[in-house]
Amino acid sequence: MGRSIWRSLAANVTLTVGIVLGVKAADALMWDAQKYDMMKEQIEIDYWKKYGEPTEIEGQLQKSTIKDGEFYITYLKDKAPEKQLDQVYKLH
């Protein structure tokens, strides 16, 4: 005879919970916010190099996390979005 349905269900639930908690714990231990910001910055810079910078919106200066003491132009982050509610972008 094999296991009962309840014993199999308990084993599967325990395995699933263990895997989920293990992945969450590994993610929490390996998280590095500075590396994440560096990666986002590099992806944005590479994207604008490949496809060209937008002409409809103005860029904002953002402090670089890759190179100390330098700035780069970002089009994705607004420093004061609450002040730009009146600004309307018109495509010609």
PDB file of N, CA and C in Angstrom:
ATOM      1  N   MET A   1       0.825  -1.174   0.000  1.00  0.00           N
ATOM      2  CA  MET A   1       0.000   0.000   0.000  1.00  0.00           C
ATOM      3  C   MET A   1       0.874   1.242   0.000  1.00  0.00           C
ATOM      4  N   GLY A   2       0.322   2.276  -0.523  1.00  0.00           N
ATOM      5  CA  GLY A   2       1.047   3.538  -0.600  1.00  0.00           C
ATOM      6  C   GLY A   2       0.641   4.480   0.518  1.00  0.00           C
ATOM      7  N   ARG A   3       1.066   5.683   0.368  1.00  0.00           N
ATOM      8  CA  ARG A   3       0.706   6.708   1.349  1.00  0.00           C
ATOM      9  C   ARG A   3      -0.763   7.076   1.214  1.00  0.00           C
ATOM     10  N   SER A   4      -1.272   7.610   2.301  1.00  0.00           N
ATOM     11  CA  SER A   4      -2.637   8.126   2.225  1.00  0.00           C
ATOM     12  C   SER A   4      -2.600   9.473   1.509  1.00  0.00           C
ATOM     13  N   ILE A   5      -3.741   9.919   1.059  1.00  0.00           N
ATOM     14  CA  ILE A   5      -3.825  11.186   0.331  1.00  0.00           C
ATOM     15  C   ILE A   5      -3.393  12.344   1.208  1.00  0.00           C
ATOM     16  N   TRP A   6      -3.712  12.287   2.491  1.00  0.00           N
ATOM     17  CA  TRP A   6      -3.382  13.395   3.395  1.00  0.00           C
ATOM     18  C   TRP A   6      -1.880  13.473   3.639  1.00  0.00           C
ATOM     19  N   ARG A   7      -1.246  12.329   3.733  1.00  0.00           N
ATOM     20  CA  ARG A   7       0.206  12.310   3.937  1.00  0.00           C
ATOM     21  C   ARG A   7       0.921  12.838   2.690  1.00  0.00           C
ATOM     22  N   SER A   8       0.455  12.478   1.509  1.00  0.00           N
ATOM     23  CA  SER A   8       1.040  12.982   0.263  1.00  0.00           C
ATOM     24  C   SER A   8       0.820  14.486   0.127  1.00  0.00           C
ATOM     25  N   LEU A   9      -0.378  14.938   0.468  1.00  0.00           N
ATOM     26  CA  LEU A   9      -0.684  16.361   0.408  1.00  0.00           C
ATOM     27  C   LEU A   9       0.203  17.149   1.370  1.00  0.00           C
ATOM     28  N   ALA A  10       0.383  16.639   2.583  1.00  0.00           N
ATOM     29  CA  ALA A  10       1.235  17.310   3.567  1.00  0.00           C
ATOM     30  C   ALA A  10       2.684  17.372   3.073  1.00  0.00           C
ATOM     31  N   ALA A  11       3.160  16.306   2.458  1.00  0.00           N
ATOM     32  CA  ALA A  11       4.531  16.294   1.944  1.00  0.00           C
ATOM     33  C   ALA A  11       4.698  17.307   0.813  1.00  0.00           C
ATOM     34  N   ASN A  12       3.729  17.393  -0.078  1.00  0.00           N
ATOM     35  CA  ASN A  12       3.810  18.345  -1.187  1.00  0.00           C
ATOM     36  C   ASN A  12       3.737  19.789  -0.699  1.00  0.00           C
ATOM     37  N   VAL A  13       2.862  20.056   0.265  1.00  0.00           N
ATOM     38  CA  VAL A  13       2.745  21.407   0.810  1.00  0.00           C
ATOM     39  C   VAL A  13       4.038  21.799   1.514  1.00  0.00           C
ATOM     40  N   THR A  14       4.595  20.891   2.300  1.00  0.00           N
ATOM     41  CA  THR A  14       5.846  21.167   3.003  1.00  0.00           C
ATOM     42  C   THR A  14       6.976  21.444   2.016  1.00  0.00           C
ATOM     43  N   LEU A  15       7.062  20.667   0.968  1.00  0.00           N
ATOM     44  CA  LEU A  15       8.094  20.877  -0.043  1.00  0.00           C
ATOM     45  C   LEU A  15       7.923  22.232  -0.723  1.00  0.00           C
ATOM     46  N   THR A  16       6.705  22.573  -1.091  1.00  0.00           N
ATOM     47  CA  THR A  16       6.439  23.852  -1.760  1.00  0.00           C
ATOM     48  C   THR A  16       6.773  25.027  -0.851  1.00  0.00           C
ATOM     49  N   VAL A  17       6.351  24.973   0.397  1.00  0.00           N
ATOM     50  CA  VAL A  17       6.644  26.052   1.347  1.00  0.00           C
ATOM     51  C   VAL A  17       8.152  26.168   1.564  1.00  0.00           C
ATOM     52  N   GLY A  18       8.840  25.065   1.662  1.00  0.00           N
ATOM     53  CA  GLY A  18      10.292  25.087   1.841  1.00  0.00           C
ATOM     54  C   GLY A  18      11.011  25.727   0.669  1.00  0.00           C
ATOM     55  N   ILE A  19      10.581  25.415  -0.532  1.00  0.00           N
ATOM     56  CA  ILE A  19      11.203  26.005  -1.724  1.00  0.00           C
ATOM     57  C   ILE A  19      10.940  27.504  -1.779  1.00  0.00           C
ATOM     58  N   VAL A  20       9.704  27.914  -1.532  1.00  0.00           N
ATOM     59  CA  VAL A  20       9.363  29.341  -1.584  1.00  0.00           C
ATOM     60  C   VAL A  20      10.146  30.114  -0.530  1.00  0.00           C
ATOM     61  N   LEU A  21      10.179  29.623   0.694  1.00  0.00           N
ATOM     62  CA  LEU A  21      10.917  30.319   1.753  1.00  0.00           C
ATOM     63  C   LEU A  21      12.421  30.329   1.481  1.00  0.00           C
ATOM     64  N   GLY A  22      12.932  29.257   0.911  1.00  0.00           N
ATOM     65  CA  GLY A  22      14.356  29.208   0.576  1.00  0.00           C
ATOM     66  C   GLY A  22      14.736  30.227  -0.483  1.00  0.00           C
ATOM     67  N   VAL A  23      13.910  30.365  -1.501  1.00  0.00           N
ATOM     68  CA  VAL A  23      14.175  31.348  -2.557  1.00  0.00           C
ATOM     69  C   VAL A  23      14.080  32.763  -2.003  1.00  0.00           C
ATOM     70  N   LYS A  24      13.090  33.026  -1.155  1.00  0.00           N
ATOM     71  CA  LYS A  24      12.944  34.358  -0.555  1.00  0.00           C
ATOM     72  C   LYS A  24      14.133  34.682   0.351  1.00  0.00           C
ATOM     73  N   ALA A  25      14.599  33.710   1.122  1.00  0.00           N
ATOM     74  CA  ALA A  25      15.751  33.930   1.998  1.00  0.00           C
ATOM     75  C   ALA A  25      17.010  34.187   1.179  1.00  0.00           C
ATOM     76  N   ALA A  26      17.215  33.433   0.117  1.00  0.00           N
ATOM     77  CA  ALA A  26      18.385  33.646  -0.736  1.00  0.00           C
ATOM     78  C   ALA A  26      18.336  35.017  -1.394  1.00  0.00           C
ATOM     79  N   ASP A  27      17.163  35.436  -1.827  1.00  0.00           N
ATOM     80  CA  ASP A  27      17.008  36.755  -2.432  1.00  0.00           C
ATOM     81  C   ASP A  27      17.319  37.853  -1.422  1.00  0.00           C
ATOM     82  N   ALA A  28      16.849  37.697  -0.193  1.00  0.00           N
ATOM     83  CA  ALA A  28      17.105  38.707   0.842  1.00  0.00           C
ATOM     84  C   ALA A  28      18.588  38.775   1.188  1.00  0.00           C
ATOM     85  N   LEU A  29      19.261  37.645   1.215  1.00  0.00           N
ATOM     86  CA  LEU A  29      20.684  37.624   1.563  1.00  0.00           C
ATOM     87  C   LEU A  29      21.561  38.189   0.454  1.00  0.00           C
ATOM     88  N   MET A  30      21.174  38.001  -0.788  1.00  0.00           N
ATOM     89  CA  MET A  30      22.026  38.400  -1.904  1.00  0.00           C
ATOM     90  C   MET A  30      21.665  39.757  -2.496  1.00  0.00           C
ATOM     91  N   TRP A  31      20.646  40.434  -1.985  1.00  0.00           N
ATOM     92  CA  TRP A  31      20.206  41.714  -2.531  1.00  0.00           C
ATOM     93  C   TRP A  31      21.267  42.774  -2.303  1.00  0.00           C
ATOM     94  N   ASP A  32      21.601  43.522  -3.348  1.00  0.00           N
ATOM     95  CA  ASP A  32      22.561  44.618  -3.270  1.00  0.00           C
ATOM     96  C   ASP A  32      21.961  45.810  -4.013  1.00  0.00           C
ATOM     97  N   ALA A  33      21.483  46.799  -3.269  1.00  0.00           N
ATOM     98  CA  ALA A  33      20.780  47.936  -3.865  1.00  0.00           C
ATOM     99  C   ALA A  33      21.697  48.756  -4.768  1.00  0.00           C
ATOM    100  N   GLN A  34      22.955  48.916  -4.385  1.00  0.00           N
ATOM    101  CA  GLN A  34      23.874  49.711  -5.203  1.00  0.00           C
ATOM    102  C   GLN A  34      24.131  49.031  -6.547  1.00  0.00           C
ATOM    103  N   LYS A  35      24.309  47.721  -6.528  1.00  0.00           N
ATOM    104  CA  LYS A  35      24.506  46.991  -7.786  1.00  0.00           C
ATOM    105  C   LYS A  35      23.275  47.086  -8.678  1.00  0.00           C
ATOM    106  N   TYR A  36      22.094  47.057  -8.070  1.00  0.00           N
ATOM    107  CA  TYR A  36      20.848  47.165  -8.823  1.00  0.00           C
ATOM    108  C   TYR A  36      20.745  48.536  -9.489  1.00  0.00           C
ATOM    109  N   ASP A  37      21.087  49.603  -8.758  1.00  0.00           N
ATOM    110  CA  ASP A  37      21.061  50.950  -9.335  1.00  0.00           C
ATOM    111  C   ASP A  37      22.083  51.092 -10.458  1.00  0.00           C
ATOM    112  N   MET A  38      23.267  50.494 -10.290  1.00  0.00           N
ATOM    113  CA  MET A  38      24.289  50.541 -11.339  1.00  0.00           C
ATOM    114  C   MET A  38      23.799  49.833 -12.600  1.00  0.00           C
ATOM    115  N   MET A  39      23.141  48.703 -12.415  1.00  0.00           N
ATOM    116  CA  MET A  39      22.628  47.947 -13.553  1.00  0.00           C
ATOM    117  C   MET A  39      21.552  48.747 -14.295  1.00  0.00           C
ATOM    118  N   LYS A  40      20.619  49.371 -13.553  1.00  0.00           N
ATOM    119  CA  LYS A  40      19.574  50.170 -14.187  1.00  0.00           C
ATOM    120  C   LYS A  40      20.172  51.339 -14.959  1.00  0.00           C
ATOM    121  N   GLU A  41      21.176  51.987 -14.376  1.00  0.00           N
ATOM    122  CA  GLU A  41      21.817  53.118 -15.050  1.00  0.00           C
ATOM    123  C   GLU A  41      22.486  52.668 -16.345  1.00  0.00           C
ATOM    124  N   GLN A  42      23.211  51.564 -16.296  1.00  0.00           N
ATOM    125  CA  GLN A  42      23.912  51.082 -17.486  1.00  0.00           C
ATOM    126  C   GLN A  42      22.928  50.671 -18.578  1.00  0.00           C
ATOM    127  N   ILE A  43      21.832  50.050 -18.198  1.00  0.00           N
ATOM    128  CA  ILE A  43      20.812  49.661 -19.180  1.00  0.00           C
ATOM    129  C   ILE A  43      20.218  50.892 -19.843  1.00  0.00           C
ATOM    130  N   GLU A  44      19.927  51.935 -19.047  1.00  0.00           N
ATOM    131  CA  GLU A  44      19.353  53.153 -19.616  1.00  0.00           C
ATOM    132  C   GLU A  44      20.337  53.834 -20.563  1.00  0.00           C
ATOM    133  N   ILE A  45      21.595  53.933 -20.174  1.00  0.00           N
ATOM    134  CA  ILE A  45      22.605  54.575 -21.024  1.00  0.00           C
ATOM    135  C   ILE A  45      22.767  53.807 -22.335  1.00  0.00           C
ATOM    136  N   ASP A  46      22.842  52.488 -22.240  1.00  0.00           N
ATOM    137  CA  ASP A  46      22.974  51.668 -23.451  1.00  0.00           C
ATOM    138  C   ASP A  46      21.751  51.795 -24.355  1.00  0.00           C
ATOM    139  N   TYR A  47      20.565  51.882 -23.771  1.00  0.00           N
ATOM    140  CA  TYR A  47      19.340  52.018 -24.560  1.00  0.00           C
ATOM    141  C   TYR A  47      19.358  53.319 -25.348  1.00  0.00           C
ATOM    142  N   TRP A  48      19.704  54.443 -24.689  1.00  0.00           N
ATOM    143  CA  TRP A  48      19.693  55.734 -25.386  1.00  0.00           C
ATOM    144  C   TRP A  48      20.787  55.798 -26.442  1.00  0.00           C
ATOM    145  N   LYS A  49      21.913  55.108 -26.220  1.00  0.00           N
ATOM    146  CA  LYS A  49      22.963  55.059 -27.252  1.00  0.00           C
ATOM    147  C   LYS A  49      22.465  54.304 -28.483  1.00  0.00           C
ATOM    148  N   LYS A  50      21.733  53.218 -28.257  1.00  0.00           N
ATOM    149  CA  LYS A  50      21.291  52.376 -29.367  1.00  0.00           C
ATOM    150  C   LYS A  50      20.144  53.009 -30.153  1.00  0.00           C
ATOM    151  N   TYR A  51      19.149  53.561 -29.465  1.00  0.00           N
ATOM    152  CA  TYR A  51      17.942  54.042 -30.130  1.00  0.00           C
ATOM    153  C   TYR A  51      17.851  55.556 -30.238  1.00  0.00           C
ATOM    154  N   GLY A  52      18.780  56.281 -29.671  1.00  0.00           N
ATOM    155  CA  GLY A  52      18.737  57.743 -29.727  1.00  0.00           C
ATOM    156  C   GLY A  52      17.942  58.325 -28.571  1.00  0.00           C
ATOM    157  N   GLU A  53      18.300  59.541 -28.207  1.00  0.00           N
ATOM    158  CA  GLU A  53      17.640  60.188 -27.076  1.00  0.00           C
ATOM    159  C   GLU A  53      16.310  60.792 -27.511  1.00  0.00           C
ATOM    160  N   PRO A  54      15.329  60.846 -26.615  1.00  0.00           N
ATOM    161  CA  PRO A  54      14.029  61.425 -26.968  1.00  0.00           C
ATOM    162  C   PRO A  54      14.125  62.930 -27.179  1.00  0.00           C
ATOM    163  N   THR A  55      13.301  63.438 -28.069  1.00  0.00           N
ATOM    164  CA  THR A  55      13.319  64.873 -28.354  1.00  0.00           C
ATOM    165  C   THR A  55      12.120  65.587 -27.740  1.00  0.00           C
ATOM    166  N   GLU A  56      11.090  64.861 -27.343  1.00  0.00           N
ATOM    167  CA  GLU A  56       9.875  65.482 -26.829  1.00  0.00           C
ATOM    168  C   GLU A  56       9.971  65.876 -25.364  1.00  0.00           C
ATOM    169  N   ILE A  57      10.829  65.231 -24.613  1.00  0.00           N
ATOM    170  CA  ILE A  57      10.927  65.520 -23.186  1.00  0.00           C
ATOM    171  C   ILE A  57      12.335  65.969 -22.842  1.00  0.00           C
ATOM    172  N   GLU A  58      12.441  66.686 -21.744  1.00  0.00           N
ATOM    173  CA  GLU A  58      13.744  67.154 -21.280  1.00  0.00           C
ATOM    174  C   GLU A  58      14.317  66.136 -20.305  1.00  0.00           C
ATOM    175  N   GLY A  59      15.616  65.948 -20.376  1.00  0.00           N
ATOM    176  CA  GLY A  59      16.273  65.039 -19.458  1.00  0.00           C
ATOM    177  C   GLY A  59      16.565  65.698 -18.125  1.00  0.00           C
ATOM    178  N   GLN A  60      16.751  64.885 -17.124  1.00  0.00           N
ATOM    179  CA  GLN A  60      17.109  65.354 -15.789  1.00  0.00           C
ATOM    180  C   GLN A  60      18.512  64.855 -15.474  1.00  0.00           C
ATOM    181  N   LEU A  61      19.300  65.692 -14.796  1.00  0.00           N
ATOM    182  CA  LEU A  61      20.618  65.248 -14.367  1.00  0.00           C
ATOM    183  C   LEU A  61      20.465  64.335 -13.158  1.00  0.00           C
ATOM    184  N   GLN A  62      21.131  63.214 -13.206  1.00  0.00           N
ATOM    185  CA  GLN A  62      21.082  62.239 -12.122  1.00  0.00           C
ATOM    186  C   GLN A  62      22.514  61.889 -11.746  1.00  0.00           C
ATOM    187  N   LYS A  63      22.788  61.784 -10.459  1.00  0.00           N
ATOM    188  CA  LYS A  63      24.131  61.426 -10.009  1.00  0.00           C
ATOM    189  C   LYS A  63      24.421  59.981 -10.404  1.00  0.00           C
ATOM    190  N   SER A  64      25.587  59.773 -10.986  1.00  0.00           N
ATOM    191  CA  SER A  64      25.960  58.456 -11.475  1.00  0.00           C
ATOM    192  C   SER A  64      26.366  57.546 -10.319  1.00  0.00           C
ATOM    193  N   THR A  65      25.921  56.303 -10.367  1.00  0.00           N
ATOM    194  CA  THR A  65      26.352  55.321  -9.379  1.00  0.00           C
ATOM    195  C   THR A  65      27.528  54.512  -9.902  1.00  0.00           C
ATOM    196  N   ILE A  66      27.789  54.618 -11.202  1.00  0.00           N
ATOM    197  CA  ILE A  66      28.895  53.873 -11.798  1.00  0.00           C
ATOM    198  C   ILE A  66      30.206  54.629 -11.621  1.00  0.00           C
ATOM    199  N   LYS A  67      30.188  55.931 -11.954  1.00  0.00           N
ATOM    200  CA  LYS A  67      31.390  56.762 -11.860  1.00  0.00           C
ATOM    201  C   LYS A  67      31.177  57.816 -10.781  1.00  0.00           C
ATOM    202  N   ASP A  68      32.019  57.800  -9.764  1.00  0.00           N
ATOM    203  CA  ASP A  68      31.883  58.745  -8.655  1.00  0.00           C
ATOM    204  C   ASP A  68      32.134  60.170  -9.120  1.00  0.00           C
ATOM    205  N   GLY A  69      31.295  61.089  -8.669  1.00  0.00           N
ATOM    206  CA  GLY A  69      31.467  62.497  -8.971  1.00  0.00           C
ATOM    207  C   GLY A  69      30.975  62.914 -10.344  1.00  0.00           C
ATOM    208  N   GLU A  70      30.344  62.028 -11.081  1.00  0.00           N
ATOM    209  CA  GLU A  70      29.842  62.368 -12.411  1.00  0.00           C
ATOM    210  C   GLU A  70      28.321  62.275 -12.436  1.00  0.00           C
ATOM    211  N   PHE A  71      27.740  62.895 -13.457  1.00  0.00           N
ATOM    212  CA  PHE A  71      26.296  62.893 -13.632  1.00  0.00           C
ATOM    213  C   PHE A  71      25.969  62.369 -15.025  1.00  0.00           C
ATOM    214  N   TYR A  72      24.766  61.892 -15.197  1.00  0.00           N
ATOM    215  CA  TYR A  72      24.294  61.478 -16.514  1.00  0.00           C
ATOM    216  C   TYR A  72      22.868  61.990 -16.689  1.00  0.00           C
ATOM    217  N   ILE A  73      22.434  62.091 -17.935  1.00  0.00           N
ATOM    218  CA  ILE A  73      21.088  62.584 -18.227  1.00  0.00           C
ATOM    219  C   ILE A  73      20.134  61.397 -18.292  1.00  0.00           C
ATOM    220  N   THR A  74      19.092  61.481 -17.494  1.00  0.00           N
ATOM    221  CA  THR A  74      18.074  60.435 -17.492  1.00  0.00           C
ATOM    222  C   THR A  74      16.748  61.021 -17.956  1.00  0.00           C
ATOM    223  N   TYR A  75      16.006  60.208 -18.661  1.00  0.00           N
ATOM    224  CA  TYR A  75      14.685  60.621 -19.128  1.00  0.00           C
ATOM    225  C   TYR A  75      13.588  59.842 -18.399  1.00  0.00           C
ATOM    226  N   LEU A  76      13.983  58.987 -17.476  1.00  0.00           N
ATOM    227  CA  LEU A  76      13.020  58.119 -16.809  1.00  0.00           C
ATOM    228  C   LEU A  76      12.658  58.575 -15.405  1.00  0.00           C
ATOM    229  N   LYS A  77      13.521  59.360 -14.776  1.00  0.00           N
ATOM    230  CA  LYS A  77      13.281  59.779 -13.397  1.00  0.00           C
ATOM    231  C   LYS A  77      12.961  61.264 -13.360  1.00  0.00           C
ATOM    232  N   ASP A  78      11.889  61.616 -12.719  1.00  0.00           N
ATOM    233  CA  ASP A  78      11.525  63.013 -12.519  1.00  0.00           C
ATOM    234  C   ASP A  78      11.885  63.411 -11.105  1.00  0.00           C
ATOM    235  N   LYS A  79      12.585  64.529 -10.964  1.00  0.00           N
ATOM    236  CA  LYS A  79      12.952  64.968  -9.623  1.00  0.00           C
ATOM    237  C   LYS A  79      11.760  65.545  -8.879  1.00  0.00           C
ATOM    238  N   ALA A  80      10.866  66.208  -9.579  1.00  0.00           N
ATOM    239  CA  ALA A  80       9.693  66.802  -8.946  1.00  0.00           C
ATOM    240  C   ALA A  80       8.467  66.570  -9.824  1.00  0.00           C
ATOM    241  N   PRO A  81       7.952  65.354  -9.862  1.00  0.00           N
ATOM    242  CA  PRO A  81       6.812  65.088 -10.742  1.00  0.00           C
ATOM    243  C   PRO A  81       5.559  65.863 -10.347  1.00  0.00           C
ATOM    244  N   GLU A  82       5.442  66.215  -9.074  1.00  0.00           N
ATOM    245  CA  GLU A  82       4.245  66.947  -8.650  1.00  0.00           C
ATOM    246  C   GLU A  82       4.210  68.357  -9.218  1.00  0.00           C
ATOM    247  N   LYS A  83       5.372  68.917  -9.598  1.00  0.00           N
ATOM    248  CA  LYS A  83       5.428  70.260 -10.169  1.00  0.00           C
ATOM    249  C   LYS A  83       5.194  70.252 -11.674  1.00  0.00           C
ATOM    250  N   GLN A  84       5.220  69.089 -12.298  1.00  0.00           N
ATOM    251  CA  GLN A  84       5.104  69.013 -13.743  1.00  0.00           C
ATOM    252  C   GLN A  84       3.729  68.535 -14.197  1.00  0.00           C
ATOM    253  N   LEU A  85       2.732  68.706 -13.338  1.00  0.00           N
ATOM    254  CA  LEU A  85       1.379  68.292 -13.710  1.00  0.00           C
ATOM    255  C   LEU A  85       0.802  69.168 -14.812  1.00  0.00           C
ATOM    256  N   ASP A  86       1.257  70.432 -14.899  1.00  0.00           N
ATOM    257  CA  ASP A  86       0.737  71.354 -15.906  1.00  0.00           C
ATOM    258  C   ASP A  86       1.389  71.165 -17.269  1.00  0.00           C
ATOM    259  N   GLN A  87       2.510  70.461 -17.301  1.00  0.00           N
ATOM    260  CA  GLN A  87       3.241  70.293 -18.556  1.00  0.00           C
ATOM    261  C   GLN A  87       2.544  69.243 -19.424  1.00  0.00           C
ATOM    262  N   VAL A  88       2.306  69.595 -20.667  1.00  0.00           N
ATOM    263  CA  VAL A  88       1.645  68.689 -21.600  1.00  0.00           C
ATOM    264  C   VAL A  88       2.616  68.412 -22.742  1.00  0.00           C
ATOM    265  N   TYR A  89       2.766  67.143 -23.077  1.00  0.00           N
ATOM    266  CA  TYR A  89       3.647  66.780 -24.180  1.00  0.00           C
ATOM    267  C   TYR A  89       2.813  66.643 -25.445  1.00  0.00           C
ATOM    268  N   LYS A  90       3.193  67.379 -26.465  1.00  0.00           N
ATOM    269  CA  LYS A  90       2.470  67.321 -27.732  1.00  0.00           C
ATOM    270  C   LYS A  90       3.382  66.740 -28.795  1.00  0.00           C
ATOM    271  N   LEU A  91       2.907  65.750 -29.482  1.00  0.00           N
ATOM    272  CA  LEU A  91       3.661  65.172 -30.582  1.00  0.00           C
ATOM    273  C   LEU A  91       3.255  65.871 -31.866  1.00  0.00           C
ATOM    274  N   HIS A  92       4.222  66.295 -32.645  1.00  0.00           N
ATOM    275  CA  HIS A  92       3.930  67.002 -33.900  1.00  0.00           C
ATOM    276  C   HIS A  92       4.027  66.047 -35.054  1.00  0.00           C
TER     277      HIS A  92
END
